[in-house]
Amino acid sequence: MALVAQDRAGLDAAHVRLLSVARYRASIYLPVMDPGVLESDEVHTELRRLATSGRAARIRILTHDANRAHRDGHRLIALSQRLPTAVSIRVPTDETHLHYGSAFTTADDAGAYLFRPVFSRFEAEGSLDALGQTSRLMAYFDEVWERAEPAWEIRPLGI
């Protein structure tokens, strides 16, 4: 099933559909966590459901500027602080990775993806059943993830 978005509302709806098919794992490459992107109540509900789905639950997020997202109060940061064992955020350190201009979300265990060629625009396309394309995106995500550093500045305080 194809996913297509042309505006913010369409992008939110596509993310909700994508995340609803994920059972335990999702990966999000979001170079800039712009306010409003992946912050709707419906998206947040699906992310929380996924993060609390069991011991295998894992949401990985790559962003180029976690500090800015933290200052702006992005909901993904708050989710990672509330559920640190299931939600991890890392920041790429390699210059080639820091110039990556696209954004994508995958439901790793479902073979589903949503890809935005230009991360600052809402236009996106994807599929709920595209194991090949999901695998290609995951290979790139894993490569960046392995070389990225944890976003230590935003870890929860154990007070």
Protein backbone atom coordinates (compact mmCIF):
# COMPACT_ATOMS: atom_id res chain seq x y z
CA MET A 1 0.00 0.00 0.00
CA ALA A 2 1.42 3.37 -1.03
CA LEU A 3 1.91 6.32 1.29
CA VAL A 4 1.89 9.85 -0.13
CA ALA A 5 2.01 13.23 1.59
CA GLN A 6 1.91 16.76 0.19
CA ASP A 7 1.44 18.86 3.34
CA ARG A 8 1.88 18.67 7.12
CA ALA A 9 -1.49 17.01 7.72
CA GLY A 10 -0.75 14.42 5.04
CA LEU A 11 2.70 13.81 6.52
CA ASP A 12 1.19 13.25 9.97
CA ALA A 13 -1.40 10.85 8.54
CA ALA A 14 1.28 8.93 6.62
CA HIS A 15 3.44 8.64 9.75
CA VAL A 16 0.46 7.35 11.76
CA ARG A 17 -0.26 4.69 9.11
CA LEU A 18 3.40 3.70 8.94
CA LEU A 19 3.89 3.50 12.70
CA SER A 20 0.63 1.58 13.17
CA VAL A 21 2.07 -1.38 11.20
CA ALA A 22 5.27 -1.50 13.27
CA ARG A 23 5.25 -4.12 16.00
CA TYR A 24 8.43 -3.37 17.94
CA ARG A 25 10.90 -1.27 15.97
CA ALA A 26 11.10 1.99 14.10
CA SER A 27 13.99 4.12 12.88
CA ILE A 28 13.69 7.85 12.23
CA TYR A 29 16.27 9.92 10.37
CA LEU A 30 15.27 13.54 10.92
CA PRO A 31 18.19 15.91 10.25
CA VAL A 32 16.31 18.81 11.85
CA MET A 33 13.51 18.25 14.34
CA ASP A 34 11.29 21.05 13.16
CA PRO A 35 8.41 21.99 15.44
CA GLY A 36 5.27 20.21 14.34
CA VAL A 37 6.98 17.33 12.50
CA LEU A 38 6.29 14.03 14.27
CA GLU A 39 4.62 15.93 17.12
CA SER A 40 0.89 15.42 16.56
CA ASP A 41 -1.09 13.61 19.25
CA GLU A 42 -1.83 10.73 16.87
CA VAL A 43 1.85 10.24 15.93
CA HIS A 44 2.88 10.54 19.57
CA THR A 45 0.30 7.91 20.56
CA GLU A 46 1.70 5.47 17.98
CA LEU A 47 5.29 6.13 19.06
CA ARG A 48 4.38 5.61 22.71
CA ARG A 49 2.51 2.39 21.84
CA LEU A 50 5.56 1.17 19.96
CA ALA A 51 7.99 2.15 22.74
CA THR A 52 5.93 0.28 25.33
CA SER A 53 5.18 -2.77 23.14
CA GLY A 54 7.50 -5.10 25.02
CA ARG A 55 11.09 -5.97 25.75
CA ALA A 56 12.02 -5.88 22.04
CA ALA A 57 10.69 -2.32 21.65
CA ARG A 58 13.21 0.01 20.05
CA ILE A 59 12.88 3.41 18.44
CA ARG A 60 16.12 4.87 17.09
CA ILE A 61 16.32 8.52 16.08
CA LEU A 62 19.13 10.25 14.20
CA THR A 63 19.21 14.04 14.15
CA HIS A 64 21.90 16.56 13.35
CA ASP A 65 21.07 18.97 16.17
CA ALA A 66 19.61 17.36 19.29
CA ASN A 67 20.41 20.43 21.39
CA ARG A 68 18.21 22.66 19.25
CA ALA A 69 15.38 20.10 19.41
CA HIS A 70 15.78 20.04 23.18
CA ARG A 71 15.67 23.86 23.43
CA ASP A 72 12.59 23.93 21.18
CA GLY A 73 10.87 21.29 23.34
CA HIS A 74 10.31 18.73 20.57
CA ARG A 75 8.06 15.88 21.72
CA LEU A 76 10.51 13.21 20.48
CA ILE A 77 13.05 14.48 23.02
CA ALA A 78 10.53 14.25 25.83
CA LEU A 79 9.58 10.72 24.74
CA SER A 80 13.23 9.65 24.76
CA GLN A 81 13.66 11.07 28.26
CA ARG A 82 10.57 9.30 29.59
CA LEU A 83 11.38 5.95 27.92
CA PRO A 84 15.19 5.87 27.62
CA THR A 85 15.44 2.08 27.36
CA ALA A 86 13.21 2.01 24.27
CA VAL A 87 13.92 5.37 22.60
CA SER A 88 17.49 6.37 21.67
CA ILE A 89 18.74 9.51 19.96
CA ARG A 90 22.13 9.83 18.31
CA VAL A 91 23.90 12.63 16.44
CA PRO A 92 26.09 11.87 13.39
CA THR A 93 29.68 13.09 13.60
CA ASP A 94 30.92 12.34 10.08
CA GLU A 95 30.78 15.41 7.79
CA THR A 96 29.32 13.41 4.89
CA HIS A 97 26.47 12.25 7.11
CA LEU A 98 25.87 15.77 8.42
CA HIS A 99 25.20 16.92 4.85
CA TYR A 100 22.48 14.33 4.27
CA GLY A 101 19.43 16.31 3.12
CA SER A 102 16.61 13.78 3.23
CA ALA A 103 14.46 12.41 6.04
CA PHE A 104 12.83 9.03 6.46
CA THR A 105 11.00 6.80 8.89
CA THR A 106 10.94 3.03 8.73
CA ALA A 107 8.93 0.37 10.48
CA ASP A 108 11.89 -2.00 10.64
CA ASP A 109 9.96 -5.16 11.44
CA ALA A 110 7.20 -4.52 8.88
CA GLY A 111 9.14 -3.58 5.75
CA ALA A 112 7.48 -0.17 5.59
CA TYR A 113 9.00 3.25 4.98
CA LEU A 114 8.21 6.93 4.41
CA PHE A 115 10.83 9.01 2.58
CA ARG A 116 11.08 12.80 2.25
CA PRO A 117 13.67 13.72 -0.42
CA VAL A 118 14.09 17.19 1.10
CA PHE A 119 13.78 17.10 4.89
CA SER A 120 12.53 20.70 5.11
CA ARG A 121 9.51 19.97 2.89
CA PHE A 122 6.40 17.96 3.67
CA GLU A 123 6.27 16.02 0.38
CA ALA A 124 6.85 12.34 1.05
CA GLU A 125 6.24 8.96 -0.46
CA GLY A 126 6.54 5.47 0.85
CA SER A 127 4.97 2.07 1.15
CA LEU A 128 3.64 -0.23 3.82
CA ASP A 129 5.00 -3.24 1.94
CA ALA A 130 8.39 -2.55 0.36
CA LEU A 131 10.99 -4.73 1.97
CA GLY A 132 13.67 -3.90 -0.62
CA GLN A 133 13.49 -0.12 -0.26
CA THR A 134 13.13 -0.39 3.52
CA SER A 135 16.26 -2.57 3.61
CA ARG A 136 18.23 -0.01 1.60
CA LEU A 137 17.18 2.82 3.90
CA MET A 138 17.93 0.69 6.96
CA ALA A 139 21.42 -0.14 5.64
CA TYR A 140 22.19 3.58 5.39
CA PHE A 141 20.60 4.27 8.78
CA ASP A 142 22.63 1.50 10.42
CA GLU A 143 25.85 2.82 8.88
CA VAL A 144 25.22 6.32 10.25
CA TRP A 145 23.95 4.98 13.59
CA GLU A 146 27.12 2.98 14.22
CA ARG A 147 29.30 6.05 13.70
CA ALA A 148 27.04 8.52 15.51
CA GLU A 149 27.37 9.59 19.12
CA PRO A 150 24.62 9.36 21.72
CA ALA A 151 22.95 12.70 22.40
CA TRP A 152 24.25 12.82 25.99
CA GLU A 153 23.09 16.39 26.55
CA ILE A 154 19.44 15.35 26.49
CA ARG A 155 19.58 12.20 28.59
CA PRO A 156 17.13 12.05 31.46
CA LEU A 157 18.35 13.11 34.86
CA GLY A 158 18.01 10.31 37.38
CA ILE A 159 17.12 12.55 40.29
